[in-house]
Each structure stands twice: as C-alpha cells, then as structure tokens.
C-alpha atoms as a PDB file:
ATOM      1  CA  MET A   1       2.620 -12.328  -6.769  1.00  0.00           C
ATOM      2  CA  GLY A   2       5.820 -14.373  -6.688  1.00  0.00           C
ATOM      3  CA  VAL A   3       9.150 -15.393  -5.047  1.00  0.00           C
ATOM      4  CA  VAL A   4      11.840 -13.043  -3.790  1.00  0.00           C
ATOM      5  CA  TRP A   5      15.317 -14.014  -3.559  1.00  0.00           C
ATOM      6  CA  ARG A   6      18.578 -11.981  -1.953  1.00  0.00           C
ATOM      7  CA  ALA A   7      21.179 -11.922  -4.288  1.00  0.00           C
ATOM      8  CA  ASP A   8      24.483 -10.377  -5.432  1.00  0.00           C
ATOM      9  CA  ASP A   9      24.808  -8.160  -8.776  1.00  0.00           C
ATOM     10  CA  PRO A  10      27.738  -8.739 -10.909  1.00  0.00           C
ATOM     11  CA  HIS A  11      29.728  -6.172  -8.800  1.00  0.00           C
ATOM     12  CA  GLY A  12      28.912  -7.869  -5.344  1.00  0.00           C
ATOM     13  CA  PHE A  13      26.297  -5.393  -4.048  1.00  0.00           C
ATOM     14  CA  PRO A  14      22.968  -7.150  -2.551  1.00  0.00           C
ATOM     15  CA  VAL A  15      19.859  -7.013  -4.478  1.00  0.00           C
ATOM     16  CA  CYS A  16      16.614  -8.591  -4.500  1.00  0.00           C
ATOM     17  CA  VAL A  17      15.297 -10.611  -7.265  1.00  0.00           C
ATOM     18  CA  LYS A  18      11.710 -11.217  -7.703  1.00  0.00           C
ATOM     19  CA  PHE A  19      10.342 -14.164  -9.804  1.00  0.00           C
ATOM     20  CA  LEU A  20       6.658 -13.478 -10.858  1.00  0.00           C
ATOM     21  CA  SER A  21       4.032 -15.828 -10.327  1.00  0.00           C
ATOM     22  CA  LYS A  22       3.240 -18.038 -13.516  1.00  0.00           C
ATOM     23  CA  SER A  23      -0.331 -17.014 -12.733  1.00  0.00           C
ATOM     24  CA  SER A  24       0.185 -13.421 -13.175  1.00  0.00           C
ATOM     25  CA  GLY A  25      -0.055 -13.610 -17.172  1.00  0.00           C
ATOM     26  CA  PRO A  26       1.442 -14.824 -20.229  1.00  0.00           C
ATOM     27  CA  PRO A  27       5.099 -14.691 -20.010  1.00  0.00           C
ATOM     28  CA  THR A  28       5.172 -12.261 -23.107  1.00  0.00           C
ATOM     29  CA  LEU A  29       2.811  -9.740 -21.863  1.00  0.00           C
ATOM     30  CA  GLU A  30       4.105 -10.501 -18.292  1.00  0.00           C
ATOM     31  CA  ALA A  31       7.495  -9.413 -19.462  1.00  0.00           C
ATOM     32  CA  ARG A  32       6.287  -6.272 -21.132  1.00  0.00           C
ATOM     33  CA  ARG A  33       4.120  -5.103 -18.274  1.00  0.00           C
ATOM     34  CA  ALA A  34       7.423  -5.562 -15.968  1.00  0.00           C
ATOM     35  CA  GLU A  35       9.435  -3.346 -18.416  1.00  0.00           C
ATOM     36  CA  GLN A  36       6.770  -0.776 -18.322  1.00  0.00           C
ATOM     37  CA  ILE A  37       6.787  -0.662 -14.840  1.00  0.00           C
ATOM     38  CA  VAL A  38      10.676  -0.352 -14.508  1.00  0.00           C
ATOM     39  CA  GLY A  39      10.421   2.327 -16.806  1.00  0.00           C
ATOM     40  CA  TRP A  40       8.064   4.280 -15.202  1.00  0.00           C
ATOM     41  CA  MET A  41       9.871   4.009 -11.753  1.00  0.00           C
ATOM     42  CA  ARG A  42      13.205   4.880 -13.185  1.00  0.00           C
ATOM     43  CA  GLY A  43      11.700   8.222 -13.919  1.00  0.00           C
ATOM     44  CA  LEU A  44      10.253   8.679 -10.331  1.00  0.00           C
ATOM     45  CA  PRO A  45      12.732   8.402  -7.698  1.00  0.00           C
ATOM     46  CA  HIS A  46      11.790   8.835  -4.158  1.00  0.00           C
ATOM     47  CA  GLU A  47      13.808   7.871  -0.909  1.00  0.00           C
ATOM     48  CA  HIS A  48      10.528   6.085   0.547  1.00  0.00           C
ATOM     49  CA  ILE A  49       9.933   4.060  -2.713  1.00  0.00           C
ATOM     50  CA  CYS A  50      11.950   1.034  -3.222  1.00  0.00           C
ATOM     51  CA  PRO A  51      13.847   1.312  -6.443  1.00  0.00           C
ATOM     52  CA  LEU A  52      13.297  -1.050  -9.449  1.00  0.00           C
ATOM     53  CA  TYR A  53      16.631  -1.608 -11.212  1.00  0.00           C
ATOM     54  CA  SER A  54      15.775  -3.894 -14.211  1.00  0.00           C
ATOM     55  CA  VAL A  55      13.760  -6.810 -15.557  1.00  0.00           C
ATOM     56  CA  GLY A  56      14.960 -10.024 -17.259  1.00  0.00           C
ATOM     57  CA  MET A  57      13.537 -13.432 -18.478  1.00  0.00           C
ATOM     58  CA  ASP A  58      14.902 -17.070 -17.379  1.00  0.00           C
ATOM     59  CA  PRO A  59      13.966 -19.530 -19.655  1.00  0.00           C
ATOM     60  CA  GLU A  60      12.971 -21.777 -16.814  1.00  0.00           C
ATOM     61  CA  LEU A  61      11.817 -19.589 -14.135  1.00  0.00           C
ATOM     62  CA  GLY A  62      10.225 -16.743 -16.077  1.00  0.00           C
ATOM     63  CA  THR A  63      10.223 -13.198 -15.774  1.00  0.00           C
ATOM     64  CA  PHE A  64      11.976 -11.533 -12.629  1.00  0.00           C
ATOM     65  CA  LEU A  65      12.532  -7.878 -11.604  1.00  0.00           C
ATOM     66  CA  VAL A  66      15.690  -6.619  -9.826  1.00  0.00           C
ATOM     67  CA  MET A  67      15.432  -4.182  -7.162  1.00  0.00           C
ATOM     68  CA  LYS A  68      17.195  -2.679  -3.983  1.00  0.00           C
ATOM     69  CA  TYR A  69      18.057  -4.999  -1.086  1.00  0.00           C
ATOM     70  CA  VAL A  70      16.316  -3.365   1.912  1.00  0.00           C
ATOM     71  CA  ALA A  71      17.193  -4.619   5.298  1.00  0.00           C
ATOM     72  CA  GLY A  72      14.421  -4.531   7.786  1.00  0.00           C
ATOM     73  CA  ILE A  73      10.937  -6.132   8.344  1.00  0.00           C
ATOM     74  CA  THR A  74       7.568  -5.623   7.238  1.00  0.00           C
ATOM     75  CA  LEU A  75       5.304  -3.111   8.909  1.00  0.00           C
ATOM     76  CA  GLU A  76       3.069  -6.301   9.829  1.00  0.00           C
ATOM     77  CA  GLN A  77       5.899  -7.934  11.423  1.00  0.00           C
ATOM     78  CA  PHE A  78       6.656  -4.470  13.080  1.00  0.00           C
ATOM     79  CA  ALA A  79       3.209  -4.075  14.478  1.00  0.00           C
ATOM     80  CA  GLN A  80       3.017  -7.510  15.866  1.00  0.00           C
ATOM     81  CA  GLN A  81       5.932  -7.012  17.877  1.00  0.00           C
ATOM     82  CA  ARG A  82       4.984  -3.548  19.054  1.00  0.00           C
ATOM     83  CA  ILE A  83       1.566  -4.706  20.271  1.00  0.00           C
ATOM     84  CA  ALA A  84       2.734  -7.820  21.918  1.00  0.00           C
ATOM     85  CA  ASP A  85       5.503  -5.870  23.703  1.00  0.00           C
ATOM     86  CA  ARG A  86       3.357  -2.647  24.687  1.00  0.00           C
ATOM     87  CA  LYS A  87      -0.444  -3.888  24.099  1.00  0.00           C
ATOM     88  CA  SER A  88      -1.037  -0.694  21.979  1.00  0.00           C
ATOM     89  CA  PHE A  89       0.067   1.493  18.963  1.00  0.00           C
ATOM     90  CA  PRO A  90      -0.046   5.203  19.590  1.00  0.00           C
ATOM     91  CA  VAL A  91      -1.287   7.371  16.985  1.00  0.00           C
ATOM     92  CA  ALA A  92       1.764   9.684  16.904  1.00  0.00           C
ATOM     93  CA  GLU A  93       3.792   6.655  16.610  1.00  0.00           C
ATOM     94  CA  ILE A  94       1.809   5.532  13.685  1.00  0.00           C
ATOM     95  CA  VAL A  95       1.719   8.829  12.002  1.00  0.00           C
ATOM     96  CA  ARG A  96       5.803   9.180  12.304  1.00  0.00           C
ATOM     97  CA  ILE A  97       6.147   5.697  10.682  1.00  0.00           C
ATOM     98  CA  LEU A  98       3.418   6.246   8.075  1.00  0.00           C
ATOM     99  CA  GLU A  99       4.167   9.860   6.943  1.00  0.00           C
ATOM    100  CA  PRO A 100       7.086   8.946   4.820  1.00  0.00           C
ATOM    101  CA  VAL A 101       5.203   6.374   3.228  1.00  0.00           C
ATOM    102  CA  ALA A 102       2.312   9.158   2.398  1.00  0.00           C
ATOM    103  CA  GLN A 103       4.905  11.357   1.020  1.00  0.00           C
ATOM    104  CA  GLY A 104       5.987   8.428  -1.352  1.00  0.00           C
ATOM    105  CA  LEU A 105       2.396   7.788  -2.258  1.00  0.00           C
ATOM    106  CA  ASP A 106       1.472  11.493  -2.817  1.00  0.00           C
ATOM    107  CA  HIS A 107       4.720  11.546  -5.177  1.00  0.00           C
ATOM    108  CA  LEU A 108       3.148   8.530  -7.171  1.00  0.00           C
ATOM    109  CA  HIS A 109       0.095  10.223  -7.349  1.00  0.00           C
ATOM    110  CA  ARG A 110       1.397  13.726  -8.349  1.00  0.00           C
ATOM    111  CA  SER A 111       2.964  12.019 -11.490  1.00  0.00           C
ATOM    112  CA  GLY A 112       0.055   9.982 -12.552  1.00  0.00           C
ATOM    113  CA  PHE A 113       0.466   6.625 -10.941  1.00  0.00           C
ATOM    114  CA  VAL A 114      -0.993   4.587  -8.408  1.00  0.00           C
ATOM    115  CA  HIS A 115       0.443   1.796  -6.410  1.00  0.00           C
ATOM    116  CA  GLY A 116      -2.467  -0.548  -6.233  1.00  0.00           C
ATOM    117  CA  ASP A 117      -1.739  -2.983  -3.370  1.00  0.00           C
ATOM    118  CA  ILE A 118      -0.753  -0.712  -0.295  1.00  0.00           C
ATOM    119  CA  LYS A 119      -0.723  -2.875   2.584  1.00  0.00           C
ATOM    120  CA  PRO A 120       1.505  -3.804   5.910  1.00  0.00           C
ATOM    121  CA  THR A 121       3.356  -6.400   4.151  1.00  0.00           C
ATOM    122  CA  ASN A 122       4.091  -4.083   1.343  1.00  0.00           C
ATOM    123  CA  ILE A 123       5.932  -1.552   3.466  1.00  0.00           C
ATOM    124  CA  LEU A 124       9.218  -2.514   4.926  1.00  0.00           C
ATOM    125  CA  ILE A 125      10.961  -0.552   7.740  1.00  0.00           C
ATOM    126  CA  ARG A 126      13.884  -0.791  10.219  1.00  0.00           C
ATOM    127  CA  GLU A 127      13.422  -2.702  13.305  1.00  0.00           C
ATOM    128  CA  ASP A 128      13.424   0.727  15.418  1.00  0.00           C
ATOM    129  CA  GLY A 129      10.480   1.931  12.955  1.00  0.00           C
ATOM    130  CA  SER A 130      12.170   4.376  10.930  1.00  0.00           C
ATOM    131  CA  SER A 131      13.194   4.777   7.049  1.00  0.00           C
ATOM    132  CA  PRO A 132       9.814   2.946   5.536  1.00  0.00           C
ATOM    133  CA  GLN A 133      10.310   1.610   2.089  1.00  0.00           C
ATOM    134  CA  ILE A 134       7.289   1.114  -0.307  1.00  0.00           C
ATOM    135  CA  ILE A 135       7.798  -2.252  -1.996  1.00  0.00           C
ATOM    136  CA  ASP A 136       5.968  -4.531  -4.609  1.00  0.00           C
ATOM    137  CA  LEU A 137       5.358  -2.188  -7.450  1.00  0.00           C
ATOM    138  CA  GLY A 138       3.804  -4.807  -9.436  1.00  0.00           C
ATOM    139  CA  LEU A 139       0.340  -3.120  -9.677  1.00  0.00           C
ATOM    140  CA  VAL A 140       1.569   0.012 -10.472  1.00  0.00           C
ATOM    141  CA  THR A 141      -0.710   1.547 -12.687  1.00  0.00           C
ATOM    142  CA  SER A 142      -0.764   4.729 -14.862  1.00  0.00           C
ATOM    143  CA  VAL A 143      -3.832   6.903 -14.638  1.00  0.00           C
ATOM    144  CA  ARG A 144      -2.885   9.426 -17.634  1.00  0.00           C
ATOM    145  CA  ASP A 145      -3.894   7.318 -20.582  1.00  0.00           C
ATOM    146  CA  HIS A 146      -7.692   6.876 -20.454  1.00  0.00           C
ATOM    147  CA  ALA A 147      -7.704   4.396 -23.504  1.00  0.00           C
ATOM    148  CA  GLU A 148      -5.244   2.177 -21.309  1.00  0.00           C
ATOM    149  CA  ALA A 149      -7.340   2.860 -17.989  1.00  0.00           C
ATOM    150  CA  ARG A 150     -10.535   1.328 -19.914  1.00  0.00           C
ATOM    151  CA  SER A 151      -8.531  -1.843 -20.659  1.00  0.00           C
ATOM    152  CA  ALA A 152      -6.732  -2.273 -17.283  1.00  0.00           C
ATOM    153  CA  ASN A 153      -7.329  -5.153 -14.938  1.00  0.00           C
ATOM    154  CA  VAL A 154      -7.791  -3.999 -11.540  1.00  0.00           C
ATOM    155  CA  ALA A 155      -6.329  -6.000  -9.026  1.00  0.00           C
ATOM    156  CA  GLY A 156      -5.077  -5.873  -5.280  1.00  0.00           C
ATOM    157  CA  THR A 157      -5.309  -7.418  -1.986  1.00  0.00           C
ATOM    158  CA  LEU A 158      -9.165  -7.586  -1.285  1.00  0.00           C
ATOM    159  CA  ALA A 159      -9.357  -6.542   2.554  1.00  0.00           C
ATOM    160  CA  TYR A 160      -7.519  -3.239   1.287  1.00  0.00           C
ATOM    161  CA  LEU A 161      -9.904  -2.713  -1.825  1.00  0.00           C
ATOM    162  CA  ALA A 162     -11.700   0.739  -1.922  1.00  0.00           C
ATOM    163  CA  PRO A 163     -15.412   0.285  -2.604  1.00  0.00           C
ATOM    164  CA  GLU A 164     -15.379   2.046  -6.027  1.00  0.00           C
ATOM    165  CA  LEU A 165     -12.907  -0.806  -7.236  1.00  0.00           C
ATOM    166  CA  TRP A 166     -15.536  -3.610  -5.988  1.00  0.00           C
ATOM    167  CA  ARG A 167     -17.953  -1.585  -8.291  1.00  0.00           C
ATOM    168  CA  GLY A 168     -15.493  -1.734 -11.437  1.00  0.00           C
ATOM    169  CA  ALA A 169     -13.936   1.596 -11.100  1.00  0.00           C
ATOM    170  CA  PHE A 170     -10.189   2.316 -12.341  1.00  0.00           C
ATOM    171  CA  PRO A 171      -8.149   2.929  -9.473  1.00  0.00           C
ATOM    172  CA  ASP A 172      -6.555   6.592  -8.603  1.00  0.00           C
ATOM    173  CA  SER A 173      -4.945   7.983  -5.684  1.00  0.00           C
ATOM    174  CA  ARG A 174      -7.793   8.057  -3.558  1.00  0.00           C
ATOM    175  CA  CYS A 175      -7.937   3.967  -3.746  1.00  0.00           C
ATOM    176  CA  ASP A 176      -4.259   4.392  -2.271  1.00  0.00           C
ATOM    177  CA  GLN A 177      -5.639   6.659   0.294  1.00  0.00           C
ATOM    178  CA  TYR A 178      -8.278   4.148   1.624  1.00  0.00           C
ATOM    179  CA  ALA A 179      -5.805   1.222   1.530  1.00  0.00           C
ATOM    180  CA  LEU A 180      -3.480   3.482   3.907  1.00  0.00           C
ATOM    181  CA  ALA A 181      -6.125   4.430   5.979  1.00  0.00           C
ATOM    182  CA  THR A 182      -7.374   0.762   6.424  1.00  0.00           C
ATOM    183  CA  ILE A 183      -3.553   0.012   7.590  1.00  0.00           C
ATOM    184  CA  VAL A 184      -4.146   2.912  10.126  1.00  0.00           C
ATOM    185  CA  TYR A 185      -7.318   1.154  11.183  1.00  0.00           C
ATOM    186  CA  GLN A 186      -5.490  -1.917  11.629  1.00  0.00           C
ATOM    187  CA  LEU A 187      -2.756  -0.640  13.595  1.00  0.00           C
ATOM    188  CA  LEU A 188      -5.149   1.094  16.043  1.00  0.00           C
ATOM    189  CA  GLY A 189      -7.481  -1.558  16.423  1.00  0.00           C
ATOM    190  CA  ASN A 190      -5.676  -4.588  15.693  1.00  0.00           C
ATOM    191  CA  ARG A 191      -8.178  -5.543  13.127  1.00  0.00           C
ATOM    192  CA  ARG A 192      -9.266  -4.314   9.418  1.00  0.00           C
ATOM    193  CA  PRO A 193     -12.565  -2.887   9.224  1.00  0.00           C
ATOM    194  CA  PHE A 194     -14.326  -5.807   7.716  1.00  0.00           C
ATOM    195  CA  ASP A 195     -11.889  -8.465   8.838  1.00  0.00           C
ATOM    196  CA  ASP A 196     -14.555 -11.080   9.681  1.00  0.00           C
ATOM    197  CA  ALA A 197     -15.908 -11.738   6.023  1.00  0.00           C
ATOM    198  CA  ALA A 198     -16.550 -15.493   5.426  1.00  0.00           C
ATOM    199  CA  ASN A 199     -15.961 -15.014   1.720  1.00  0.00           C
ATOM    200  CA  THR A 200     -15.472 -12.744  -0.977  1.00  0.00           C
ATOM    201  CA  SER A 201     -18.911 -11.769  -2.006  1.00  0.00           C
ATOM    202  CA  MET A 202     -19.328 -11.056   1.924  1.00  0.00           C
ATOM    203  CA  LEU A 203     -16.273  -8.778   1.926  1.00  0.00           C
ATOM    204  CA  MET A 204     -17.692  -7.009  -1.122  1.00  0.00           C
ATOM    205  CA  ARG A 205     -21.008  -6.645   0.539  1.00  0.00           C
ATOM    206  CA  GLN A 206     -19.751  -5.224   3.485  1.00  0.00           C
ATOM    207  CA  ALA A 207     -17.459  -2.809   1.817  1.00  0.00           C
ATOM    208  CA  LEU A 208     -20.088  -1.377  -0.548  1.00  0.00           C
ATOM    209  CA  LEU A 209     -22.781  -1.302   2.064  1.00  0.00           C
ATOM    210  CA  MET A 210     -21.586  -1.309   5.624  1.00  0.00           C
ATOM    211  CA  PRO A 211     -20.812   1.523   7.707  1.00  0.00           C
ATOM    212  CA  ILE A 212     -17.285   1.715   9.146  1.00  0.00           C
ATOM    213  CA  PRO A 213     -17.314   0.271  12.733  1.00  0.00           C
ATOM    214  CA  GLN A 214     -16.016   2.735  15.072  1.00  0.00           C
ATOM    215  CA  LEU A 215     -12.807   2.082  17.138  1.00  0.00           C
ATOM    216  CA  LYS A 216     -13.841   1.980  20.853  1.00  0.00           C
ATOM    217  CA  GLN A 217     -10.642   2.773  22.128  1.00  0.00           C
ATOM    218  CA  CYS A 218     -10.188   5.735  20.031  1.00  0.00           C
ATOM    219  CA  SER A 219     -11.858   9.517  20.365  1.00  0.00           C
ATOM    220  CA  PRO A 220     -14.651  10.663  18.300  1.00  0.00           C
ATOM    221  CA  SER A 221     -12.423  12.983  16.532  1.00  0.00           C
ATOM    222  CA  ILE A 222      -9.831  10.327  15.327  1.00  0.00           C
ATOM    223  CA  ASN A 223     -12.715   7.967  14.423  1.00  0.00           C
ATOM    224  CA  ALA A 224     -13.998  10.951  12.295  1.00  0.00           C
ATOM    225  CA  VAL A 225     -10.508  11.174  10.412  1.00  0.00           C
ATOM    226  CA  LEU A 226     -10.546   7.549   9.767  1.00  0.00           C
ATOM    227  CA  ILE A 227     -14.146   7.438   8.559  1.00  0.00           C
ATOM    228  CA  ARG A 228     -13.564  10.059   6.064  1.00  0.00           C
ATOM    229  CA  ALA A 229     -10.441   8.713   4.534  1.00  0.00           C
ATOM    230  CA  LEU A 230     -12.565   5.255   4.561  1.00  0.00           C
ATOM    231  CA  ALA A 231     -15.496   6.826   2.873  1.00  0.00           C
ATOM    232  CA  LYS A 232     -17.716   4.835   0.329  1.00  0.00           C
ATOM    233  CA  SER A 233     -17.243   7.824  -1.942  1.00  0.00           C
ATOM    234  CA  PRO A 234     -13.832   8.902  -2.961  1.00  0.00           C
ATOM    235  CA  GLU A 235     -14.850  12.244  -3.610  1.00  0.00           C
ATOM    236  CA  ASP A 236     -15.533  12.468   0.403  1.00  0.00           C
ATOM    237  CA  ARG A 237     -11.828  11.504   1.303  1.00  0.00           C
ATOM    238  CA  PHE A 238      -9.028  13.790   1.907  1.00  0.00           C
ATOM    239  CA  ARG A 239      -7.342  15.414  -1.004  1.00  0.00           C
ATOM    240  CA  SER A 240      -4.083  13.328  -0.425  1.00  0.00           C
ATOM    241  CA  CYS A 241      -2.504  10.707   1.649  1.00  0.00           C
ATOM    242  CA  SER A 242      -0.355  13.422   3.637  1.00  0.00           C
ATOM    243  CA  GLU A 243      -3.344  15.619   4.322  1.00  0.00           C
ATOM    244  CA  PHE A 244      -5.215  12.290   5.708  1.00  0.00           C
ATOM    245  CA  LEU A 245      -2.265  11.714   8.232  1.00  0.00           C
ATOM    246  CA  ALA A 246      -2.013  15.548   9.074  1.00  0.00           C
ATOM    247  CA  ALA A 247      -5.518  15.474  10.000  1.00  0.00           C
ATOM    248  CA  LEU A 248      -4.926  12.276  12.174  1.00  0.00           C
ATOM    249  CA  PHE A 249      -2.075  14.325  13.997  1.00  0.00           C
ATOM    250  CA  MET A 250      -4.085  16.916  14.829  1.00  0.00           C
ATOM    251  CA  ALA A 251      -7.079  14.985  16.018  1.00  0.00           C
ATOM    252  CA  ASP A 252      -4.568  13.164  18.380  1.00  0.00           C
ATOM    253  CA  HIS A 253      -2.936  16.268  19.317  1.00  0.00           C
ATOM    254  CA  VAL A 254      -6.254  17.926  20.303  1.00  0.00           C
ATOM    255  CA  GLU A 255      -7.402  14.920  22.301  1.00  0.00           C
ATOM    256  CA  ILE A 256      -3.901  14.839  24.182  1.00  0.00           C
ATOM    257  CA  SER A 257      -4.373  18.646  24.900  1.00  0.00           C
ATOM    258  CA  ARG A 258      -7.536  17.990  26.582  1.00  0.00           C
END
C-alpha cells in the first residue's frame, strides 16, 4: 500500500509519513480519497486506533498521510517471538491483547465504518503485548451511503477476506470480525484456516466452500467459537467483535475449570 517514514513535524514531535503506492489509483482520486479518510477519522478518536493527522501531496513522491508515531512492533512480530520462546500462545493472552482491538473495531462499526484490512501487520503493540493500536486505515469505508457502497472498490488482504467479499458483497462490520477471527486462529494454530492455497482462485474456492479446519490443539468449545466467527454466512457470526472475544474467553474459562 505504500512506504512509511518516521519523521518530525514542524514542532519536533515524531510522526509517521506514509506515501501511498503509485498503483493505488490516479493522483487526484487518491488524494481525494485520503482527505476523505482523514476527515472521517478526525471525528472518530479512539485510544486503540492510530490517529491520522493530515494529508498532503509531494510533486515527485505523490500523496502522503501523516499519522501518529507509535513505538512498538507488529502483532505478527510479537507472535513470532512469543511462539519461538514458549511454543504456544494461550487463549487468555490472545484475548488480553486483542480485546482493545475489538473495542476499536466496534467503535468504527457503531459509527458506520469498516476497517477493511485487519491483519497482524496492521496491529502495533508494545513489546510486552500492551497498548495495541490499529493502523493502516487506508481501506476504511463508510457503510452509511448505499449509493457510495454500490460504487466502492472492495480490497483487502486475500487470506483475511470474508467469503461474502469473494462473492462481491460490500464490506460491513462482520467482515472485520471474520478477519479478527482469522488472526485468532493464526495465533492459536500458527497458520491461517486456508494457508496452503496455491493461487488466488484456489484460495477463493476454499473460503467459499471448504469448512474451517478444526485446531487439534484446541478444545471443541474454542473451535466452536472460531467456527462461528468464521462462518460462511455473515448472519451466523457474532453481533460484534467484542462479543466474539468474550465468547472465546468464556470457552477457555470453561475448559480451564474442567
């Protein structure tokens, strides 16, 4: 999606400057889209959503976004270190880390927006696993305006796309929940549900038609929660991302109690 630089603003405070990819669209439309997203996010502050400050245009490098500088590592990096050190990732720790992310996503959803590209590299956390921040809001979409929705381009990282997006549906909150559940599955199983697809068409077929493989290392109750959040039909998923994580926590708690 682009190249990110650490920079200092005119007052000397650290910020991130993201130059958007040349392939993301014509410069004028790209700048207009970036301005729209910055305008949306200014009105939706949340402690676990990385703020966007402004948008600009460089004559040589193109459109750029200025956002808060967050010191930390991606959830993907954290998970790799965690699994290398301890060989596992307990459900309770996953819920602790991702619960604030779910709250941030629900905040977006209640306001009529969808993130559209939730994945481990778009979640920044401190090295102790605290203070997660949702980043890379370049695909944030409004679901309020149906006329806009019909003309919107659906995008995202293929391995985290909900089945209805493969069928051409416009994203809503349940697509973000599907992506969040894919992250949980990945953290628990060290793989995504459909990781072995040789090409895009095969990945699409698996997402649309194949049942979610159960994780052998997890209890039936935890698998049941994951399968519901990863349901082929969005109507069968949880009502919110926070409800999904609460169900995961309860399933783990019941298992420990046994």
